[in-house]
Amino acid sequence: MLDHLIKGATVVDGTGAPARVADLGIRAGRIAVIAAPGTVTEEARTSEDATGLVLTPGFVDPHTHYDAQLFWDPYATPSMNHGVTTVVGGNCGFTLAPLNPARPEDADYTRRMMSKVEGMALAALEEGVDWSWSTFGEYLDALEGRIAVNAGFMVGHCALRRHVMGEDAVGGQPTPEQMQQMLDLLHDAMDAGAWGLSTTQSATHSDGAGAPVASRHARPAELLALSRAVGDHEGTQLEAIVAGCLDQFSDEEIDLFVDMSAAAGRPLNWNVLTIDAAVPERVPRQLVAGERARKAGGRIVALTMPILTPMNMSLRTFCALNLIPGWGEILGLPVPERITKLRDPDVRAAMLRRADSKEAGVFRRLANFGRYVIGDTYSKENEGLSGRVVNDIAAERGQDPFQCLVEICANDDLRTVLWPMPTDNDPASWALRAETWQHEDVMLGGSDAGAHLDRMCGAPYTTRFLGDCLRGRKLVPLEQAVRMLTDDPARLFGLRERGRLAEGYHADLVLFDPQRVEAGPATLVHDLPGDSPRLDARAIGIVSVRINGVETVRDDEVTGAVPGIVLRSGRDTRTVSTR
């Protein structure tokens, strides 16, 4: 007997094949049958009529930071509401394990690092996670049986370094003995199911004390030794971040990526390729890495987002503005001193010069303050400004836009919420995106879901992209859009029997209304441990999400079921070799 039968759905199977109307039956967590409407004779415990609805594989998000959130939110909201059934965590060199049991203080260091570098609320990390593990395997075991989504995790280079080297991980180099200990830890993590190694060399990544995170101090020999270890395990990967990911790679960065991928014999993905017609040289430069990798026996894949991600900023809390060269020193001052500095015309002029410099990279576009929209305000002086564009207010006041913005924020003790209007929302940029998505070294993803919780909301990229493909710009047909969200990432990571609708595959399914599927606007909610805030967005038109055959979402409401599994390398992933 079938557990459930979905009748008359428009099946888009993830392979890119034309959509077709069919019935789909589920048994024991897998797809038991896909057949022409009305031809399934086996009885089913439950069934539903899906006429007019689209049925697809569950979406795979290749770049998340749900490592902590899953402990207080096993549903990985809002990603699961938007059809994501598998998440990849442990990215950018940051993981919650391993932790050295001889140094209990390392857990606090890790919490403060994750709060600073990934924008996770410190109170939520302290109150929502029990931190009871030491090994990476124990971390995975702590999640097993209690999550709604399927989740796989890389092991972070920073955690490996901290475990072995302690405080010397920041600024120091490992001895031969310490290097071997790191390799042993990495092997142990992958034996337990880690998907491989993630690391960062990005200048934007600093720990809770403001120092460069541990992996930024690693030399190429260390990175290559760890990469070779990854190649000793089945179903593993590499993920890495360097400064050039934000704009354009240097030759040295490309060489490092190529050498790491070739040493491991595994794909390396990086995040995120920003596509902007105003910077036409960026995409060709970034894709040179993949071309060189193929010649060297490696593979490098760029992740890119198919939507413009809403961003929530302020001059009071750490955000992307802090990452503009020279800005962090000013925006890190105590609030009264910060306001005094920002009101100084010479300081503002110097800040704008730094923001317009080549070293600012992709952050240059954040400095067009006339194109900011004022969000929430908190003072009588700012009444009536919410929703207004800074350029218009500045013209009325006879101020330059940055001065105007500073004065508005100062009235609110810098609490004012700011929304930068995207500079790359023009037809030429969208045409360039559509072209770039077809490249073999480009894959959709990069949501950062689970991180930067009160500043950005990338998790709904799936539904927003589908709505755009069906009723908006229509840059790619539905069948291709679904493949990009399902089979493409599943194949990159070597997921076994996931990413497609096929008999025998795991029943990770999304059922949606093609006339309505979309993401609602991002709104600030306070539902994290410690009443901490985050941005959320409702899923529109998602009728049902099933994970391993069990319904987890119905009409954008979480059912409470937790059928997800911790996906472990080798058992749940197969090797995607580059050799």
Protein backbone atom coordinates (compact mmCIF):
# COMPACT_ATOMS: atom_id res chain seq x y z
CA MET A 1 0.00 0.00 0.00
CA LEU A 2 1.16 3.50 -0.80
CA ASP A 3 1.52 5.96 2.05
CA HIS A 4 0.35 8.88 -0.07
CA LEU A 5 -0.73 9.50 -3.67
CA ILE A 6 -0.48 12.87 -5.38
CA LYS A 7 -2.86 12.86 -8.36
CA GLY A 8 -2.81 14.91 -11.54
CA ALA A 9 0.16 17.13 -10.75
CA THR A 10 2.24 18.85 -13.40
CA VAL A 11 5.49 17.00 -12.75
CA VAL A 12 8.75 18.87 -13.35
CA ASP A 13 11.27 16.17 -12.50
CA GLY A 14 14.48 18.18 -12.07
CA THR A 15 16.30 16.81 -15.10
CA GLY A 16 15.20 19.62 -17.40
CA ALA A 17 12.79 17.31 -19.23
CA PRO A 18 9.45 18.77 -20.35
CA ALA A 19 6.75 18.98 -17.70
CA ARG A 20 4.10 16.29 -17.79
CA VAL A 21 0.90 15.52 -15.91
CA ALA A 22 1.24 12.43 -13.74
CA ASP A 23 0.34 10.72 -10.48
CA LEU A 24 3.11 10.15 -7.94
CA GLY A 25 2.96 7.61 -5.13
CA ILE A 26 5.09 7.52 -1.98
CA ARG A 27 6.00 4.48 0.09
CA ALA A 28 8.43 4.26 3.04
CA GLY A 29 9.94 7.66 2.36
CA ARG A 30 10.68 7.07 -1.30
CA ILE A 31 8.97 7.63 -4.62
CA ALA A 32 7.31 4.31 -5.39
CA VAL A 33 5.62 5.14 -8.68
CA ILE A 34 5.24 7.91 -11.24
CA ALA A 35 2.59 7.09 -13.83
CA ALA A 36 0.04 8.55 -16.18
CA PRO A 37 -3.00 10.02 -14.43
CA GLY A 38 -5.49 7.40 -13.27
CA THR A 39 -3.24 4.41 -13.95
CA VAL A 40 -1.94 3.81 -10.39
CA THR A 41 -3.99 0.87 -9.10
CA GLU A 42 -2.29 0.39 -5.73
CA GLU A 43 -4.30 1.67 -2.78
CA ALA A 44 -3.03 4.63 -0.78
CA ARG A 45 -3.60 5.54 2.85
CA THR A 46 -4.05 9.19 1.87
CA SER A 47 -4.27 11.06 -1.42
CA GLU A 48 -4.75 14.55 -2.79
CA ASP A 49 -5.83 16.11 -6.05
CA ALA A 50 -2.99 18.30 -7.40
CA THR A 51 -4.63 19.35 -10.66
CA GLY A 52 -3.14 22.65 -11.80
CA LEU A 53 -0.27 22.45 -9.29
CA VAL A 54 3.40 21.89 -10.07
CA LEU A 55 5.27 19.04 -8.35
CA THR A 56 9.08 19.25 -8.20
CA PRO A 57 11.97 17.73 -6.25
CA GLY A 58 12.85 19.47 -3.01
CA PHE A 59 15.23 22.37 -3.45
CA VAL A 60 18.87 22.06 -2.37
CA ASP A 61 20.48 25.15 -0.84
CA PRO A 62 24.25 24.79 -1.32
CA HIS A 63 25.38 27.56 1.02
CA THR A 64 23.78 28.02 4.43
CA HIS A 65 24.87 28.62 8.01
CA TYR A 66 22.14 26.68 9.80
CA ASP A 67 24.78 25.00 12.00
CA ALA A 68 23.42 26.63 15.17
CA GLN A 69 19.84 27.53 14.25
CA LEU A 70 18.80 23.90 13.75
CA PHE A 71 19.12 23.37 17.50
CA TRP A 72 16.34 25.86 18.31
CA ASP A 73 14.60 25.74 14.92
CA PRO A 74 14.70 22.20 13.49
CA TYR A 75 12.60 23.43 10.56
CA ALA A 76 15.32 25.71 9.15
CA THR A 77 12.81 28.50 8.66
CA PRO A 78 12.21 30.23 6.43
CA SER A 79 14.12 28.01 3.96
CA MET A 80 11.92 24.94 4.40
CA ASN A 81 8.76 27.03 3.90
CA HIS A 82 10.19 28.07 0.54
CA GLY A 83 10.67 24.46 -0.59
CA VAL A 84 14.23 23.80 0.58
CA THR A 85 14.50 20.19 1.73
CA THR A 86 18.30 19.86 1.90
CA VAL A 87 20.72 22.42 3.33
CA VAL A 88 24.52 22.49 3.19
CA GLY A 89 26.13 23.98 6.31
CA GLY A 90 29.61 24.38 7.74
CA ASN A 91 30.62 26.89 5.09
CA CYS A 92 33.26 29.63 5.00
CA GLY A 93 35.59 27.87 7.45
CA PHE A 94 33.17 28.25 10.39
CA THR A 95 31.70 25.33 12.32
CA LEU A 96 30.66 24.68 15.92
CA ALA A 97 32.86 21.58 16.08
CA PRO A 98 35.31 20.18 16.87
CA LEU A 99 35.80 21.78 20.29
CA ASN A 100 38.80 20.96 22.44
CA PRO A 101 37.47 19.42 25.70
CA ALA A 102 40.60 20.61 27.53
CA ARG A 103 39.62 24.24 26.82
CA PRO A 104 35.96 24.89 27.71
CA GLU A 105 36.53 28.56 26.89
CA ASP A 106 36.77 27.64 23.20
CA ALA A 107 32.99 27.37 23.03
CA ASP A 108 32.65 31.00 24.10
CA TYR A 109 35.31 32.04 21.59
CA THR A 110 33.38 30.19 18.86
CA ARG A 111 30.08 31.81 19.86
CA ARG A 112 31.58 35.28 19.75
CA MET A 113 33.29 34.59 16.43
CA MET A 114 30.05 33.31 14.88
CA SER A 115 28.19 36.32 16.25
CA LYS A 116 30.69 38.72 14.69
CA VAL A 117 31.51 37.05 11.40
CA GLU A 118 28.15 35.45 10.55
CA GLY A 119 25.77 37.84 12.28
CA MET A 120 24.25 35.26 14.61
CA ALA A 121 22.72 36.73 17.76
CA LEU A 122 25.02 36.00 20.70
CA ALA A 123 22.05 35.48 23.03
CA ALA A 124 20.60 32.90 20.65
CA LEU A 125 23.94 31.06 20.49
CA GLU A 126 24.19 31.07 24.27
CA GLU A 127 20.60 30.11 25.05
CA GLY A 128 19.63 27.99 22.04
CA VAL A 129 22.59 25.59 21.76
CA ASP A 130 23.82 23.23 24.50
CA TRP A 131 27.43 22.99 23.28
CA SER A 132 27.79 19.50 24.75
CA TRP A 133 30.01 17.96 22.07
CA SER A 134 33.73 17.92 21.42
CA THR A 135 34.21 15.87 18.22
CA PHE A 136 32.61 16.67 14.90
CA GLY A 137 30.87 13.30 14.99
CA GLU A 138 29.30 14.18 18.33
CA TYR A 139 28.04 17.44 16.83
CA LEU A 140 26.38 15.54 13.98
CA ASP A 141 24.92 13.03 16.43
CA ALA A 142 23.43 15.90 18.46
CA LEU A 143 21.34 16.86 15.40
CA GLU A 144 20.37 13.35 14.34
CA GLY A 145 16.68 12.57 14.71
CA ARG A 146 15.64 16.10 15.65
CA ILE A 147 15.65 18.06 12.36
CA ALA A 148 12.97 18.48 9.73
CA VAL A 149 15.29 19.16 6.79
CA ASN A 150 18.11 17.03 5.44
CA ALA A 151 21.42 18.64 6.39
CA GLY A 152 25.04 18.04 5.43
CA PHE A 153 28.03 19.86 6.89
CA MET A 154 31.55 20.74 5.89
CA VAL A 155 34.11 20.95 8.72
CA GLY A 156 35.49 24.43 9.28
CA HIS A 157 39.21 25.15 9.06
CA CYS A 158 38.95 27.70 11.87
CA ALA A 159 37.63 25.06 14.26
CA LEU A 160 40.43 22.65 13.32
CA ARG A 161 43.08 25.30 13.94
CA ARG A 162 41.56 26.47 17.22
CA HIS A 163 41.23 22.89 18.51
CA VAL A 164 44.89 22.12 17.87
CA MET A 165 46.64 25.47 18.33
CA GLY A 166 44.45 27.28 20.86
CA GLU A 167 45.03 31.03 20.91
CA ASP A 168 48.05 30.56 18.62
CA ALA A 169 45.60 29.68 15.84
CA VAL A 170 45.25 33.42 15.31
CA GLY A 171 48.61 34.66 14.09
CA GLY A 172 50.62 31.45 14.44
CA GLN A 173 51.82 28.63 12.21
CA PRO A 174 51.41 24.96 13.13
CA THR A 175 54.38 22.82 14.03
CA PRO A 176 54.71 19.55 12.08
CA GLU A 177 53.07 17.79 15.03
CA GLN A 178 50.20 20.26 15.11
CA MET A 179 49.72 19.94 11.35
CA GLN A 180 49.38 16.18 11.77
CA GLN A 181 46.87 16.70 14.57
CA MET A 182 44.80 18.93 12.28
CA LEU A 183 44.88 16.28 9.57
CA ASP A 184 43.85 13.61 12.06
CA LEU A 185 40.93 15.78 13.23
CA LEU A 186 39.84 16.35 9.65
CA HIS A 187 40.02 12.63 8.85
CA ASP A 188 38.01 11.85 12.00
CA ALA A 189 35.37 14.41 11.02
CA MET A 190 35.00 12.97 7.51
CA ASP A 191 34.91 9.42 8.91
CA ALA A 192 31.95 10.64 10.96
CA GLY A 193 30.25 12.12 7.90
CA ALA A 194 31.62 15.62 7.33
CA TRP A 195 31.33 16.57 3.67
CA GLY A 196 34.86 17.93 3.44
CA LEU A 197 36.74 21.12 4.27
CA SER A 198 35.65 24.73 4.24
CA THR A 199 38.07 27.61 4.72
CA THR A 200 38.35 31.37 4.41
CA GLN A 201 41.15 33.76 3.52
CA SER A 202 38.80 36.71 3.18
CA ALA A 203 39.88 40.03 4.66
CA THR A 204 36.28 40.64 5.79
CA HIS A 205 36.29 37.73 8.26
CA SER A 206 37.27 38.67 11.81
CA ASP A 207 36.60 37.03 15.17
CA GLY A 208 34.79 38.43 18.19
CA ALA A 209 37.85 40.43 19.22
CA GLY A 210 38.26 41.90 15.73
CA ALA A 211 41.31 39.80 14.85
CA PRO A 212 41.57 37.92 11.52
CA VAL A 213 39.94 34.50 11.96
CA ALA A 214 42.27 31.51 12.37
CA SER A 215 42.21 30.14 8.83
CA ARG A 216 43.31 33.51 7.40
CA HIS A 217 46.75 32.80 8.88
CA ALA A 218 47.14 29.50 7.04
CA ARG A 219 49.78 29.31 4.32
CA PRO A 220 49.22 27.46 1.03
CA ALA A 221 51.12 24.37 2.20
CA GLU A 222 48.66 23.93 5.07
CA LEU A 223 45.64 24.37 2.80
CA LEU A 224 46.99 21.88 0.27
CA ALA A 225 47.75 19.28 2.94
CA LEU A 226 44.17 19.54 4.23
CA SER A 227 42.83 19.41 0.66
CA ARG A 228 44.74 16.21 -0.04
CA ALA A 229 43.17 14.68 3.07
CA VAL A 230 39.71 15.47 1.69
CA GLY A 231 40.56 13.36 -1.36
CA ASP A 232 41.02 10.30 0.85
CA HIS A 233 37.30 10.12 1.66
CA GLU A 234 34.28 9.22 -0.40
CA GLY A 235 31.67 11.83 -1.25
CA THR A 236 33.61 14.89 -0.11
CA GLN A 237 34.01 18.48 -1.28
CA LEU A 238 35.89 21.75 -0.78
CA GLU A 239 34.43 25.18 -0.13
CA ALA A 240 36.60 28.26 0.16
CA ILE A 241 36.43 32.04 0.39
CA VAL A 242 39.16 34.52 -0.53
CA ALA A 243 39.16 38.30 -0.70
CA GLY A 244 38.69 38.22 -4.49
CA CYS A 245 35.32 36.48 -4.17
CA LEU A 246 33.86 39.93 -3.50
CA ASP A 247 35.09 41.48 -6.72
CA GLN A 248 37.85 39.95 -8.86
CA PHE A 249 40.39 37.24 -8.10
CA SER A 250 44.10 37.85 -8.10
CA ASP A 251 46.29 35.36 -9.95
CA GLU A 252 47.52 34.05 -6.61
CA GLU A 253 43.96 33.38 -5.44
CA ILE A 254 43.10 31.54 -8.63
CA ASP A 255 46.27 29.45 -8.29
CA LEU A 256 45.33 28.57 -4.70
CA PHE A 257 41.81 27.45 -5.66
CA VAL A 258 43.13 25.44 -8.60
CA ASP A 259 45.83 23.78 -6.51
CA MET A 260 43.38 22.91 -3.71
CA SER A 261 40.83 21.34 -6.04
CA ALA A 262 43.47 19.43 -8.00
CA ALA A 263 45.14 18.20 -4.79
CA ALA A 264 41.84 16.85 -3.48
CA GLY A 265 40.50 15.66 -6.80
CA ARG A 266 37.20 17.19 -5.66
CA PRO A 267 35.07 20.17 -6.72
CA LEU A 268 35.59 23.46 -4.90
CA ASN A 269 32.72 25.93 -4.71
CA TRP A 270 32.95 29.57 -3.68
CA ASN A 271 30.47 32.27 -2.76
CA VAL A 272 29.29 34.60 -4.25
CA LEU A 273 29.57 35.71 -7.88
CA THR A 274 28.07 39.19 -8.10
CA ILE A 275 26.81 39.99 -11.61
CA ASP A 276 26.54 43.64 -12.59
CA ALA A 277 26.54 45.01 -16.14
CA ALA A 278 28.28 48.13 -14.83
CA VAL A 279 31.33 45.94 -14.10
CA PRO A 280 31.44 43.77 -17.26
CA GLU A 281 34.98 42.55 -16.60
CA ARG A 282 34.07 40.82 -13.32
CA VAL A 283 32.32 37.67 -14.57
CA PRO A 284 34.95 36.72 -17.19
CA ARG A 285 37.70 37.23 -14.63
CA GLN A 286 36.01 35.11 -11.97
CA LEU A 287 35.35 32.26 -14.39
CA VAL A 288 39.02 32.05 -15.34
CA ALA A 289 39.38 29.99 -12.15
CA GLY A 290 37.19 27.23 -13.53
CA GLU A 291 38.99 27.22 -16.88
CA ARG A 292 42.38 26.85 -15.23
CA ALA A 293 41.08 24.20 -12.85
CA ARG A 294 39.91 21.95 -15.68
CA LYS A 295 43.38 22.01 -17.22
CA ALA A 296 44.94 21.09 -13.86
CA GLY A 297 42.54 18.27 -13.03
CA GLY A 298 40.27 20.23 -10.71
CA ARG A 299 36.86 21.86 -10.81
CA ILE A 300 35.83 25.26 -9.43
CA VAL A 301 32.18 26.27 -9.24
CA ALA A 302 30.91 29.80 -8.56
CA LEU A 303 27.67 30.21 -6.63
CA THR A 304 25.47 33.12 -7.65
CA MET A 305 22.07 34.33 -6.50
CA PRO A 306 19.20 34.55 -9.01
CA ILE A 307 17.53 37.35 -7.03
CA LEU A 308 18.51 40.66 -5.49
CA THR A 309 18.64 39.89 -1.77
CA PRO A 310 16.95 42.41 0.54
CA MET A 311 19.43 43.94 2.98
CA ASN A 312 18.71 45.57 6.31
CA MET A 313 21.44 47.97 7.46
CA SER A 314 22.15 50.56 10.11
CA LEU A 315 25.04 52.66 11.36
CA ARG A 316 24.59 51.16 14.85
CA THR A 317 24.98 47.39 14.25
CA PHE A 318 27.66 45.49 12.37
CA CYS A 319 26.70 45.19 8.70
CA ALA A 320 28.25 45.29 5.23
CA LEU A 321 29.15 48.96 5.66
CA ASN A 322 31.68 47.90 8.33
CA LEU A 323 33.47 45.89 5.65
CA ILE A 324 34.31 48.91 3.49
CA PRO A 325 38.04 49.55 3.95
CA GLY A 326 38.60 52.06 6.76
CA TRP A 327 34.96 52.16 7.84
CA GLY A 328 35.16 49.47 10.51
CA GLU A 329 37.37 51.61 12.74
CA ILE A 330 34.78 54.40 12.79
CA LEU A 331 31.63 52.26 12.91
CA GLY A 332 33.16 50.22 15.72
CA LEU A 333 33.46 53.22 18.06
CA PRO A 334 31.05 53.72 20.98
CA VAL A 335 27.86 55.29 19.67
CA PRO A 336 28.42 58.87 20.97
CA GLU A 337 31.96 58.93 19.56
CA ARG A 338 30.72 57.36 16.33
CA ILE A 339 28.12 60.10 15.87
CA THR A 340 30.74 62.81 16.51
CA LYS A 341 33.07 61.28 13.92
CA LEU A 342 30.30 60.83 11.34
CA ARG A 343 29.24 64.44 11.73
CA ASP A 344 32.78 65.60 10.88
CA PRO A 345 32.81 66.64 7.17
CA ASP A 346 36.47 65.66 6.79
CA VAL A 347 35.82 62.20 8.22
CA ARG A 348 32.86 61.70 5.90
CA ALA A 349 34.90 62.81 2.90
CA ALA A 350 37.69 60.35 3.79
CA MET A 351 35.15 57.56 4.24
CA LEU A 352 33.62 58.23 0.83
CA ARG A 353 37.07 58.24 -0.81
CA ARG A 354 37.83 54.83 0.71
CA ALA A 355 34.43 53.52 -0.35
CA ASP A 356 35.07 54.56 -3.95
CA SER A 357 38.53 52.98 -4.10
CA LYS A 358 39.37 49.78 -5.97
CA GLU A 359 40.13 48.02 -2.69
CA ALA A 360 36.49 48.43 -1.68
CA GLY A 361 35.57 45.94 -4.40
CA VAL A 362 31.90 45.03 -4.56
CA PHE A 363 31.19 47.23 -1.51
CA ARG A 364 31.67 50.33 -3.69
CA ARG A 365 28.03 50.19 -4.65
CA LEU A 366 26.94 50.54 -1.01
CA ALA A 367 28.29 54.09 -0.86
CA ASN A 368 25.64 55.64 -3.11
CA PHE A 369 23.74 56.96 -0.11
CA GLY A 370 21.25 58.95 -2.14
CA ARG A 371 19.73 55.64 -3.24
CA TYR A 372 19.02 54.44 0.31
CA VAL A 373 15.44 54.13 1.53
CA ILE A 374 14.75 55.01 5.15
CA GLY A 375 13.16 52.11 7.01
CA ASP A 376 12.08 52.11 10.66
CA THR A 377 12.76 55.31 12.61
CA TYR A 378 12.63 55.95 16.35
CA SER A 379 12.62 59.69 17.05
CA LYS A 380 10.15 62.55 16.75
CA GLU A 381 12.59 64.34 14.43
CA ASN A 382 12.35 61.47 11.93
CA GLU A 383 8.57 61.13 11.86
CA GLY A 384 7.29 60.72 8.31
CA LEU A 385 10.65 59.69 6.83
CA SER A 386 10.03 55.92 6.67
CA GLY A 387 9.79 54.77 3.08
CA ARG A 388 11.39 57.89 1.67
CA VAL A 389 14.52 58.00 -0.51
CA VAL A 390 17.52 59.84 0.93
CA ASN A 391 18.14 61.79 -2.32
CA ASP A 392 14.72 63.41 -2.04
CA ILE A 393 15.17 64.30 1.64
CA ALA A 394 18.68 65.67 1.01
CA ALA A 395 17.41 67.89 -1.83
CA GLU A 396 14.75 69.35 0.45
CA ARG A 397 17.34 70.05 3.16
CA GLY A 398 20.12 71.29 0.90
CA GLN A 399 22.52 68.60 2.16
CA ASP A 400 24.66 66.05 0.40
CA PRO A 401 23.15 62.54 0.68
CA PHE A 402 25.69 61.10 3.13
CA GLN A 403 25.38 64.11 5.45
CA CYS A 404 21.61 63.83 5.27
CA LEU A 405 21.67 60.13 6.08
CA VAL A 406 24.04 60.65 9.03
CA GLU A 407 21.79 63.34 10.54
CA ILE A 408 18.71 61.15 10.21
CA CYS A 409 20.52 58.24 11.87
CA ALA A 410 21.99 60.47 14.60
CA ASN A 411 18.48 61.55 15.57
CA ASP A 412 17.74 57.88 16.30
CA ASP A 413 21.05 57.24 18.11
CA LEU A 414 21.99 55.36 14.90
CA ARG A 415 19.12 52.85 15.24
CA THR A 416 17.55 53.93 11.93
CA VAL A 417 16.95 51.02 9.56
CA LEU A 418 18.41 51.61 6.09
CA TRP A 419 17.53 49.80 2.87
CA PRO A 420 19.99 50.33 -0.02
CA MET A 421 18.33 50.23 -3.42
CA PRO A 422 20.20 47.81 -5.68
CA THR A 423 22.35 49.38 -8.35
CA ASP A 424 22.24 46.28 -10.57
CA ASN A 425 18.50 45.96 -11.17
CA ASP A 426 18.77 47.12 -14.79
CA PRO A 427 17.85 45.08 -17.91
CA ALA A 428 21.51 44.73 -18.93
CA SER A 429 22.43 43.16 -15.60
CA TRP A 430 19.53 40.70 -15.78
CA ALA A 431 20.50 39.75 -19.33
CA LEU A 432 24.07 39.16 -18.14
CA ARG A 433 22.76 36.97 -15.31
CA ALA A 434 20.71 34.84 -17.68
CA GLU A 435 23.77 34.34 -19.85
CA THR A 436 26.07 33.59 -16.92
CA TRP A 437 23.70 31.01 -15.40
CA GLN A 438 24.26 28.81 -18.45
CA HIS A 439 28.00 28.48 -17.78
CA GLU A 440 29.18 25.07 -16.64
CA ASP A 441 31.11 26.58 -13.74
CA VAL A 442 28.17 28.55 -12.32
CA MET A 443 25.46 27.28 -9.98
CA LEU A 444 22.57 29.01 -8.25
CA GLY A 445 22.89 29.45 -4.50
CA GLY A 446 24.60 31.52 -1.86
CA SER A 447 21.64 32.37 0.37
CA ASP A 448 23.71 32.50 3.60
CA ALA A 449 20.48 31.38 5.31
CA GLY A 450 20.98 31.08 9.04
CA ALA A 451 23.53 33.91 9.09
CA HIS A 452 23.32 37.72 9.10
CA LEU A 453 19.86 37.15 10.51
CA ASP A 454 18.82 40.74 11.14
CA ARG A 455 20.51 42.18 8.04
CA MET A 456 19.59 40.09 5.01
CA CYS A 457 17.08 37.48 3.93
CA GLY A 458 18.44 35.24 1.19
CA ALA A 459 16.51 32.09 2.14
CA PRO A 460 13.46 32.83 -0.09
CA TYR A 461 15.52 32.90 -3.30
CA THR A 462 13.83 29.72 -4.49
CA THR A 463 10.24 30.93 -4.57
CA ARG A 464 11.17 34.44 -5.68
CA PHE A 465 13.18 32.98 -8.58
CA LEU A 466 10.36 30.65 -9.62
CA GLY A 467 7.84 33.47 -9.51
CA ASP A 468 10.14 35.56 -11.69
CA CYS A 469 10.57 32.71 -14.18
CA LEU A 470 6.83 32.05 -14.40
CA ARG A 471 5.35 35.54 -14.31
CA GLY A 472 8.19 38.09 -14.25
CA ARG A 473 11.24 38.39 -16.46
CA LYS A 474 10.97 34.74 -17.59
CA LEU A 475 14.73 34.52 -18.07
CA VAL A 476 14.69 30.71 -18.09
CA PRO A 477 11.85 28.21 -18.61
CA LEU A 478 10.34 26.49 -15.58
CA GLU A 479 11.96 23.13 -16.29
CA GLN A 480 15.42 24.68 -16.35
CA ALA A 481 14.75 26.80 -13.27
CA VAL A 482 13.73 23.71 -11.31
CA ARG A 483 16.82 21.81 -12.47
CA MET A 484 19.01 24.71 -11.29
CA LEU A 485 17.45 24.50 -7.82
CA THR A 486 17.45 20.71 -7.48
CA ASP A 487 19.47 18.41 -9.70
CA ASP A 488 22.38 20.79 -10.32
CA PRO A 489 23.36 21.16 -6.64
CA ALA A 490 22.50 17.53 -5.92
CA ARG A 491 24.91 16.39 -8.63
CA LEU A 492 27.66 18.78 -7.51
CA PHE A 493 27.55 17.34 -3.99
CA GLY A 494 27.03 13.77 -5.15
CA LEU A 495 23.75 13.36 -3.26
CA ARG A 496 22.49 9.81 -3.52
CA GLU A 497 18.95 9.49 -4.90
CA ARG A 498 18.02 13.11 -4.34
CA GLY A 499 17.47 16.08 -6.64
CA ARG A 500 15.11 14.37 -9.09
CA LEU A 501 11.64 12.89 -9.22
CA ALA A 502 12.34 9.29 -10.14
CA GLU A 503 11.11 5.96 -8.88
CA GLY A 504 13.31 4.80 -6.02
CA TYR A 505 14.50 8.31 -5.13
CA HIS A 506 13.88 9.83 -1.71
CA ALA A 507 10.52 11.58 -1.62
CA ASP A 508 11.73 15.16 -1.10
CA LEU A 509 8.92 17.03 -2.84
CA VAL A 510 7.56 20.54 -3.36
CA LEU A 511 4.00 21.14 -4.55
CA PHE A 512 3.20 24.72 -5.56
CA ASP A 513 0.70 26.88 -7.38
CA PRO A 514 2.42 28.31 -10.48
CA GLN A 515 0.00 31.23 -10.55
CA ARG A 516 0.97 32.39 -7.07
CA VAL A 517 4.42 31.07 -6.12
CA GLU A 518 6.46 33.96 -4.74
CA ALA A 519 8.19 35.24 -1.62
CA GLY A 520 6.63 37.90 0.55
CA PRO A 521 8.52 41.00 1.66
CA ALA A 522 11.23 40.66 4.29
CA THR A 523 10.03 41.71 7.74
CA LEU A 524 11.84 41.94 11.07
CA VAL A 525 10.59 39.49 13.70
CA HIS A 526 11.81 38.71 17.23
CA ASP A 527 11.51 34.93 17.51
CA LEU A 528 15.07 33.80 18.28
CA PRO A 529 16.25 32.70 21.73
CA GLY A 530 16.81 35.78 23.85
CA ASP A 531 14.12 37.61 21.84
CA SER A 532 16.77 38.39 19.24
CA PRO A 533 15.63 39.75 15.86
CA ARG A 534 15.85 38.27 12.38
CA LEU A 535 14.43 38.96 8.94
CA ASP A 536 11.73 36.58 7.74
CA ALA A 537 9.65 36.30 4.57
CA ARG A 538 6.51 34.28 4.00
CA ALA A 539 6.27 31.70 1.23
CA ILE A 540 3.38 32.34 -1.13
CA GLY A 541 1.83 29.59 -3.23
CA ILE A 542 3.71 26.70 -1.59
CA VAL A 543 0.99 24.12 -1.03
CA SER A 544 3.08 21.31 0.44
CA VAL A 545 6.67 20.34 1.24
CA ARG A 546 7.56 16.71 1.93
CA ILE A 547 10.90 15.48 3.22
CA ASN A 548 11.64 11.77 3.06
CA GLY A 549 7.95 11.30 2.30
CA VAL A 550 6.63 13.15 5.36
CA GLU A 551 4.81 16.46 5.02
CA THR A 552 6.65 19.25 6.83
CA VAL A 553 4.83 22.29 5.39
CA ARG A 554 1.22 22.75 4.32
CA ASP A 555 0.13 26.14 2.98
CA ASP A 556 3.24 27.82 4.44
CA GLU A 557 2.54 26.40 7.92
CA VAL A 558 5.07 24.04 9.52
CA THR A 559 3.46 20.72 10.49
CA GLY A 560 5.88 19.93 13.33
CA ALA A 561 7.20 16.71 11.77
CA VAL A 562 10.98 16.17 11.90
CA PRO A 563 11.73 13.57 9.19
CA GLY A 564 15.06 15.07 8.08
CA ILE A 565 18.35 13.24 8.37
CA VAL A 566 21.95 14.28 8.84
CA LEU A 567 23.47 13.54 5.44
CA ARG A 568 26.87 11.93 5.93
CA SER A 569 29.61 11.75 3.35
CA GLY A 570 30.03 8.36 1.74
CA ARG A 571 26.75 6.98 3.04
CA ASP A 572 24.56 9.74 1.60
CA THR A 573 26.97 11.26 -0.93
CA ARG A 574 29.07 9.69 -3.64
CA THR A 575 32.39 11.01 -4.89
CA VAL A 576 32.26 13.61 -7.64
CA SER A 577 35.80 13.25 -8.89
CA THR A 578 37.62 15.86 -10.95
CA ARG A 579 40.17 13.38 -12.23
